[in-house]
Amino acid sequence: MGQKIRLRAHRGRRKTLEKIGVLENTYPSIFVVRVDEPNYKQRLSFSYADVLTETVELTLVQRDTNENNKNLA
């Protein structure tokens, strides 16, 4: 939880939702992703079955090493 992830959800009929958000919470059958973009502030929930059937694809977003070095200085 708290990790930044890239979310790609296939919504059918050539509609695909691609967002970057934060994994906010996990529950026994679903997980919640918080998306904070300028005109799109929302919480999206998906089931683990969506991941298994490849309806939803999740990728961890790696933090920039330069950004981490600035925080350490």
PDB file of N, CA and C in Angstrom:
ATOM      1  N   MET A   1       0.840  -1.175   0.000  1.00  0.00           N
ATOM      2  CA  MET A   1       0.000   0.000   0.000  1.00  0.00           C
ATOM      3  C   MET A   1       0.887   1.240   0.000  1.00  0.00           C
ATOM      4  N   GLY A   2       0.366   2.296  -0.599  1.00  0.00           N
ATOM      5  CA  GLY A   2       1.127   3.527  -0.683  1.00  0.00           C
ATOM      6  C   GLY A   2       2.057   3.588  -1.880  1.00  0.00           C
ATOM      7  N   GLN A   3       2.140   2.515  -2.652  1.00  0.00           N
ATOM      8  CA  GLN A   3       3.006   2.483  -3.832  1.00  0.00           C
ATOM      9  C   GLN A   3       2.323   3.168  -5.014  1.00  0.00           C
ATOM     10  N   LYS A   4       3.107   3.883  -5.785  1.00  0.00           N
ATOM     11  CA  LYS A   4       2.593   4.507  -7.001  1.00  0.00           C
ATOM     12  C   LYS A   4       2.552   3.435  -8.094  1.00  0.00           C
ATOM     13  N   ILE A   5       1.410   3.319  -8.771  1.00  0.00           N
ATOM     14  CA  ILE A   5       1.249   2.297  -9.805  1.00  0.00           C
ATOM     15  C   ILE A   5       0.656   2.908 -11.068  1.00  0.00           C
ATOM     16  N   ARG A   6       0.937   2.248 -12.169  1.00  0.00           N
ATOM     17  CA  ARG A   6       0.334   2.599 -13.453  1.00  0.00           C
ATOM     18  C   ARG A   6      -0.781   1.588 -13.689  1.00  0.00           C
ATOM     19  N   LEU A   7      -1.978   2.072 -13.941  1.00  0.00           N
ATOM     20  CA  LEU A   7      -3.161   1.252 -14.093  1.00  0.00           C
ATOM     21  C   LEU A   7      -3.636   1.305 -15.536  1.00  0.00           C
ATOM     22  N   ARG A   8      -3.910   0.152 -16.087  1.00  0.00           N
ATOM     23  CA  ARG A   8      -4.468   0.085 -17.438  1.00  0.00           C
ATOM     24  C   ARG A   8      -5.649  -0.874 -17.382  1.00  0.00           C
ATOM     25  N   ALA A   9      -6.856  -0.331 -17.570  1.00  0.00           N
ATOM     26  CA  ALA A   9      -8.076  -1.127 -17.468  1.00  0.00           C
ATOM     27  C   ALA A   9      -8.770  -1.156 -18.823  1.00  0.00           C
ATOM     28  N   HIS A  10      -9.044  -2.352 -19.298  1.00  0.00           N
ATOM     29  CA  HIS A  10      -9.774  -2.533 -20.553  1.00  0.00           C
ATOM     30  C   HIS A  10     -11.262  -2.496 -20.241  1.00  0.00           C
ATOM     31  N   ARG A  11     -11.956  -1.534 -20.804  1.00  0.00           N
ATOM     32  CA  ARG A  11     -13.371  -1.325 -20.508  1.00  0.00           C
ATOM     33  C   ARG A  11     -14.295  -1.863 -21.598  1.00  0.00           C
ATOM     34  N   GLY A  12     -13.749  -2.539 -22.581  1.00  0.00           N
ATOM     35  CA  GLY A  12     -14.575  -3.105 -23.647  1.00  0.00           C
ATOM     36  C   GLY A  12     -14.752  -2.149 -24.803  1.00  0.00           C
ATOM     37  N   ARG A  13     -15.030  -2.716 -25.961  1.00  0.00           N
ATOM     38  CA  ARG A  13     -15.257  -1.936 -27.190  1.00  0.00           C
ATOM     39  C   ARG A  13     -14.175  -0.900 -27.429  1.00  0.00           C
ATOM     40  N   ARG A  14     -12.943  -1.346 -27.348  1.00  0.00           N
ATOM     41  CA  ARG A  14     -11.766  -0.508 -27.621  1.00  0.00           C
ATOM     42  C   ARG A  14     -11.623   0.678 -26.676  1.00  0.00           C
ATOM     43  N   LYS A  15     -12.222   0.606 -25.512  1.00  0.00           N
ATOM     44  CA  LYS A  15     -12.078   1.668 -24.508  1.00  0.00           C
ATOM     45  C   LYS A  15     -11.081   1.193 -23.459  1.00  0.00           C
ATOM     46  N   THR A  16     -10.045   1.977 -23.275  1.00  0.00           N
ATOM     47  CA  THR A  16      -9.020   1.644 -22.303  1.00  0.00           C
ATOM     48  C   THR A  16      -8.773   2.849 -21.406  1.00  0.00           C
ATOM     49  N   LEU A  17      -8.740   2.604 -20.113  1.00  0.00           N
ATOM     50  CA  LEU A  17      -8.470   3.633 -19.124  1.00  0.00           C
ATOM     51  C   LEU A  17      -7.029   3.471 -18.666  1.00  0.00           C
ATOM     52  N   GLU A  18      -6.211   4.516 -18.820  1.00  0.00           N
ATOM     53  CA  GLU A  18      -4.825   4.486 -18.383  1.00  0.00           C
ATOM     54  C   GLU A  18      -4.601   5.642 -17.417  1.00  0.00           C
ATOM     55  N   LYS A  19      -4.253   5.304 -16.179  1.00  0.00           N
ATOM     56  CA  LYS A  19      -4.049   6.316 -15.148  1.00  0.00           C
ATOM     57  C   LYS A  19      -2.867   5.928 -14.274  1.00  0.00           C
ATOM     58  N   ILE A  20      -2.300   6.916 -13.604  1.00  0.00           N
ATOM     59  CA  ILE A  20      -1.276   6.678 -12.591  1.00  0.00           C
ATOM     60  C   ILE A  20      -1.878   7.084 -11.258  1.00  0.00           C
ATOM     61  N   GLY A  21      -1.768   6.193 -10.291  1.00  0.00           N
ATOM     62  CA  GLY A  21      -2.365   6.454  -8.993  1.00  0.00           C
ATOM     63  C   GLY A  21      -1.585   5.778  -7.887  1.00  0.00           C
ATOM     64  N   VAL A  22      -2.171   5.780  -6.711  1.00  0.00           N
ATOM     65  CA  VAL A  22      -1.550   5.201  -5.525  1.00  0.00           C
ATOM     66  C   VAL A  22      -2.452   4.082  -5.024  1.00  0.00           C
ATOM     67  N   LEU A  23      -1.845   2.940  -4.731  1.00  0.00           N
ATOM     68  CA  LEU A  23      -2.603   1.838  -4.149  1.00  0.00           C
ATOM     69  C   LEU A  23      -2.989   2.257  -2.737  1.00  0.00           C
ATOM     70  N   GLU A  24      -4.267   2.530  -2.544  1.00  0.00           N
ATOM     71  CA  GLU A  24      -4.718   3.119  -1.295  1.00  0.00           C
ATOM     72  C   GLU A  24      -5.060   2.074  -0.236  1.00  0.00           C
ATOM     73  N   ASN A  25      -5.765   1.010  -0.636  1.00  0.00           N
ATOM     74  CA  ASN A  25      -6.171   0.025   0.338  1.00  0.00           C
ATOM     75  C   ASN A  25      -6.440  -1.307  -0.343  1.00  0.00           C
ATOM     76  N   THR A  26      -6.303  -2.376   0.421  1.00  0.00           N
ATOM     77  CA  THR A  26      -6.609  -3.711  -0.087  1.00  0.00           C
ATOM     78  C   THR A  26      -7.607  -4.369   0.850  1.00  0.00           C
ATOM     79  N   TYR A  27      -8.502  -5.116   0.271  1.00  0.00           N
ATOM     80  CA  TYR A  27      -9.520  -5.852   0.998  1.00  0.00           C
ATOM     81  C   TYR A  27      -9.481  -7.299   0.517  1.00  0.00           C
ATOM     82  N   PRO A  28     -10.206  -8.212   1.167  1.00  0.00           N
ATOM     83  CA  PRO A  28     -10.143  -9.626   0.760  1.00  0.00           C
ATOM     84  C   PRO A  28     -10.511  -9.886  -0.700  1.00  0.00           C
ATOM     85  N   SER A  29     -11.416  -9.103  -1.285  1.00  0.00           N
ATOM     86  CA  SER A  29     -11.810  -9.395  -2.669  1.00  0.00           C
ATOM     87  C   SER A  29     -11.569  -8.246  -3.643  1.00  0.00           C
ATOM     88  N   ILE A  30     -11.213  -7.049  -3.149  1.00  0.00           N
ATOM     89  CA  ILE A  30     -10.968  -5.910  -4.034  1.00  0.00           C
ATOM     90  C   ILE A  30      -9.768  -5.105  -3.541  1.00  0.00           C
ATOM     91  N   PHE A  31      -9.278  -4.219  -4.412  1.00  0.00           N
ATOM     92  CA  PHE A  31      -8.266  -3.241  -4.028  1.00  0.00           C
ATOM     93  C   PHE A  31      -8.688  -1.885  -4.569  1.00  0.00           C
ATOM     94  N   VAL A  32      -8.225  -0.825  -3.926  1.00  0.00           N
ATOM     95  CA  VAL A  32      -8.639   0.539  -4.261  1.00  0.00           C
ATOM     96  C   VAL A  32      -7.417   1.339  -4.679  1.00  0.00           C
ATOM     97  N   VAL A  33      -7.549   2.040  -5.810  1.00  0.00           N
ATOM     98  CA  VAL A  33      -6.492   2.908  -6.337  1.00  0.00           C
ATOM     99  C   VAL A  33      -7.007   4.337  -6.329  1.00  0.00           C
ATOM    100  N   ARG A  34      -6.234   5.258  -5.727  1.00  0.00           N
ATOM    101  CA  ARG A  34      -6.587   6.678  -5.707  1.00  0.00           C
ATOM    102  C   ARG A  34      -5.861   7.370  -6.849  1.00  0.00           C
ATOM    103  N   VAL A  35      -6.615   8.024  -7.719  1.00  0.00           N
ATOM    104  CA  VAL A  35      -6.048   8.747  -8.855  1.00  0.00           C
ATOM    105  C   VAL A  35      -6.205  10.232  -8.589  1.00  0.00           C
ATOM    106  N   ASP A  36      -5.083  10.959  -8.563  1.00  0.00           N
ATOM    107  CA  ASP A  36      -5.095  12.410  -8.352  1.00  0.00           C
ATOM    108  C   ASP A  36      -4.455  13.081  -9.560  1.00  0.00           C
ATOM    109  N   GLU A  37      -5.294  13.462 -10.507  1.00  0.00           N
ATOM    110  CA  GLU A  37      -4.843  14.215 -11.667  1.00  0.00           C
ATOM    111  C   GLU A  37      -5.602  15.532 -11.661  1.00  0.00           C
ATOM    112  N   PRO A  38      -5.134  16.526 -12.400  1.00  0.00           N
ATOM    113  CA  PRO A  38      -5.764  17.849 -12.338  1.00  0.00           C
ATOM    114  C   PRO A  38      -7.289  17.841 -12.500  1.00  0.00           C
ATOM    115  N   ASN A  39      -7.811  17.145 -13.465  1.00  0.00           N
ATOM    116  CA  ASN A  39      -9.256  17.131 -13.686  1.00  0.00           C
ATOM    117  C   ASN A  39      -9.867  15.764 -13.421  1.00  0.00           C
ATOM    118  N   TYR A  40      -9.191  14.921 -12.662  1.00  0.00           N
ATOM    119  CA  TYR A  40      -9.665  13.553 -12.454  1.00  0.00           C
ATOM    120  C   TYR A  40      -9.222  13.082 -11.072  1.00  0.00           C
ATOM    121  N   LYS A  41     -10.006  13.390 -10.057  1.00  0.00           N
ATOM    122  CA  LYS A  41      -9.710  12.938  -8.693  1.00  0.00           C
ATOM    123  C   LYS A  41     -10.775  11.913  -8.336  1.00  0.00           C
ATOM    124  N   GLN A  42     -10.340  10.664  -8.238  1.00  0.00           N
ATOM    125  CA  GLN A  42     -11.303   9.606  -8.025  1.00  0.00           C
ATOM    126  C   GLN A  42     -10.644   8.408  -7.381  1.00  0.00           C
ATOM    127  N   ARG A  43     -11.443   7.562  -6.769  1.00  0.00           N
ATOM    128  CA  ARG A  43     -10.979   6.273  -6.257  1.00  0.00           C
ATOM    129  C   ARG A  43     -11.600   5.202  -7.131  1.00  0.00           C
ATOM    130  N   LEU A  44     -10.766   4.317  -7.630  1.00  0.00           N
ATOM    131  CA  LEU A  44     -11.227   3.234  -8.483  1.00  0.00           C
ATOM    132  C   LEU A  44     -11.022   1.924  -7.744  1.00  0.00           C
ATOM    133  N   SER A  45     -11.989   1.033  -7.811  1.00  0.00           N
ATOM    134  CA  SER A  45     -11.844  -0.267  -7.160  1.00  0.00           C
ATOM    135  C   SER A  45     -11.956  -1.371  -8.210  1.00  0.00           C
ATOM    136  N   PHE A  46     -11.141  -2.394  -8.026  1.00  0.00           N
ATOM    137  CA  PHE A  46     -11.113  -3.528  -8.936  1.00  0.00           C
ATOM    138  C   PHE A  46     -10.990  -4.809  -8.124  1.00  0.00           C
ATOM    139  N   SER A  47     -11.433  -5.899  -8.699  1.00  0.00           N
ATOM    140  CA  SER A  47     -11.294  -7.186  -8.016  1.00  0.00           C
ATOM    141  C   SER A  47      -9.990  -7.835  -8.472  1.00  0.00           C
ATOM    142  N   TYR A  48      -9.526  -8.788  -7.679  1.00  0.00           N
ATOM    143  CA  TYR A  48      -8.319  -9.510  -8.044  1.00  0.00           C
ATOM    144  C   TYR A  48      -8.565 -10.378  -9.275  1.00  0.00           C
ATOM    145  N   ALA A  49      -9.809 -10.764  -9.508  1.00  0.00           N
ATOM    146  CA  ALA A  49     -10.152 -11.531 -10.708  1.00  0.00           C
ATOM    147  C   ALA A  49      -9.906 -10.698 -11.967  1.00  0.00           C
ATOM    148  N   ASP A  50     -10.079  -9.373 -11.874  1.00  0.00           N
ATOM    149  CA  ASP A  50      -9.786  -8.502 -13.016  1.00  0.00           C
ATOM    150  C   ASP A  50      -8.320  -8.581 -13.403  1.00  0.00           C
ATOM    151  N   VAL A  51      -7.446  -8.709 -12.433  1.00  0.00           N
ATOM    152  CA  VAL A  51      -6.015  -8.826 -12.700  1.00  0.00           C
ATOM    153  C   VAL A  51      -5.715 -10.198 -13.310  1.00  0.00           C
ATOM    154  N   LEU A  52      -6.314 -11.244 -12.756  1.00  0.00           N
ATOM    155  CA  LEU A  52      -6.071 -12.600 -13.252  1.00  0.00           C
ATOM    156  C   LEU A  52      -6.563 -12.790 -14.687  1.00  0.00           C
ATOM    157  N   THR A  53      -7.670 -12.158 -15.038  1.00  0.00           N
ATOM    158  CA  THR A  53      -8.212 -12.281 -16.394  1.00  0.00           C
ATOM    159  C   THR A  53      -7.629 -11.240 -17.341  1.00  0.00           C
ATOM    160  N   GLU A  54      -6.677 -10.437 -16.848  1.00  0.00           N
ATOM    161  CA  GLU A  54      -5.973  -9.407 -17.615  1.00  0.00           C
ATOM    162  C   GLU A  54      -6.897  -8.298 -18.116  1.00  0.00           C
ATOM    163  N   THR A  55      -8.009  -8.088 -17.418  1.00  0.00           N
ATOM    164  CA  THR A  55      -8.854  -6.930 -17.695  1.00  0.00           C
ATOM    165  C   THR A  55      -8.191  -5.676 -17.150  1.00  0.00           C
ATOM    166  N   VAL A  56      -7.430  -5.845 -16.070  1.00  0.00           N
ATOM    167  CA  VAL A  56      -6.696  -4.749 -15.446  1.00  0.00           C
ATOM    168  C   VAL A  56      -5.222  -5.143 -15.394  1.00  0.00           C
ATOM    169  N   GLU A  57      -4.352  -4.221 -15.820  1.00  0.00           N
ATOM    170  CA  GLU A  57      -2.912  -4.443 -15.759  1.00  0.00           C
ATOM    171  C   GLU A  57      -2.315  -3.406 -14.810  1.00  0.00           C
ATOM    172  N   LEU A  58      -1.495  -3.860 -13.880  1.00  0.00           N
ATOM    173  CA  LEU A  58      -0.849  -2.982 -12.910  1.00  0.00           C
ATOM    174  C   LEU A  58       0.656  -3.043 -13.089  1.00  0.00           C
ATOM    175  N   THR A  59       1.305  -1.886 -13.020  1.00  0.00           N
ATOM    176  CA  THR A  59       2.755  -1.800 -13.109  1.00  0.00           C
ATOM    177  C   THR A  59       3.235  -0.838 -12.028  1.00  0.00           C
ATOM    178  N   LEU A  60       4.235  -1.254 -11.274  1.00  0.00           N
ATOM    179  CA  LEU A  60       4.808  -0.361 -10.268  1.00  0.00           C
ATOM    180  C   LEU A  60       5.602   0.738 -10.959  1.00  0.00           C
ATOM    181  N   VAL A  61       5.432   1.962 -10.498  1.00  0.00           N
ATOM    182  CA  VAL A  61       6.173   3.097 -11.037  1.00  0.00           C
ATOM    183  C   VAL A  61       7.391   3.280 -10.154  1.00  0.00           C
ATOM    184  N   GLN A  62       8.568   3.220 -10.749  1.00  0.00           N
ATOM    185  CA  GLN A  62       9.815   3.370  -9.999  1.00  0.00           C
ATOM    186  C   GLN A  62      10.047   4.837  -9.703  1.00  0.00           C
ATOM    187  N   ARG A  63      10.524   5.103  -8.500  1.00  0.00           N
ATOM    188  CA  ARG A  63      10.854   6.475  -8.120  1.00  0.00           C
ATOM    189  C   ARG A  63      12.131   6.901  -8.813  1.00  0.00           C
ATOM    190  N   ASP A  64      12.213   8.177  -9.142  1.00  0.00           N
ATOM    191  CA  ASP A  64      13.391   8.740  -9.805  1.00  0.00           C
ATOM    192  C   ASP A  64      14.532   8.814  -8.794  1.00  0.00           C
ATOM    193  N   THR A  65      15.695   8.272  -9.162  1.00  0.00           N
ATOM    194  CA  THR A  65      16.826   8.264  -8.232  1.00  0.00           C
ATOM    195  C   THR A  65      17.321   9.677  -7.947  1.00  0.00           C
ATOM    196  N   ASN A  66      17.239  10.594  -8.911  1.00  0.00           N
ATOM    197  CA  ASN A  66      17.658  11.978  -8.675  1.00  0.00           C
ATOM    198  C   ASN A  66      16.772  12.634  -7.633  1.00  0.00           C
ATOM    199  N   GLU A  67      15.472  12.317  -7.656  1.00  0.00           N
ATOM    200  CA  GLU A  67      14.536  12.883  -6.703  1.00  0.00           C
ATOM    201  C   GLU A  67      14.859  12.371  -5.299  1.00  0.00           C
ATOM    202  N   ASN A  68      15.215  11.093  -5.180  1.00  0.00           N
ATOM    203  CA  ASN A  68      15.570  10.530  -3.892  1.00  0.00           C
ATOM    204  C   ASN A  68      16.850  11.151  -3.346  1.00  0.00           C
ATOM    205  N   ASN A  69      17.818  11.413  -4.213  1.00  0.00           N
ATOM    206  CA  ASN A  69      19.072  12.019  -3.774  1.00  0.00           C
ATOM    207  C   ASN A  69      18.857  13.446  -3.266  1.00  0.00           C
ATOM    208  N   LYS A  70      17.928  14.190  -3.846  1.00  0.00           N
ATOM    209  CA  LYS A  70      17.631  15.539  -3.374  1.00  0.00           C
ATOM    210  C   LYS A  70      17.043  15.492  -1.978  1.00  0.00           C
ATOM    211  N   ASN A  71      16.189  14.474  -1.725  1.00  0.00           N
ATOM    212  CA  ASN A  71      15.562  14.363  -0.409  1.00  0.00           C
ATOM    213  C   ASN A  71      16.570  13.986   0.671  1.00  0.00           C
ATOM    214  N   LEU A  72      17.643  13.290   0.310  1.00  0.00           N
ATOM    215  CA  LEU A  72      18.642  12.872   1.276  1.00  0.00           C
ATOM    216  C   LEU A  72      19.589  14.011   1.646  1.00  0.00           C
ATOM    217  N   ALA A  73      19.775  14.970   0.734  1.00  0.00           N
ATOM    218  CA  ALA A  73      20.723  16.061   0.968  1.00  0.00           C
ATOM    219  C   ALA A  73      20.199  17.099   1.924  1.00  0.00           C
TER     220      ALA A  73
END
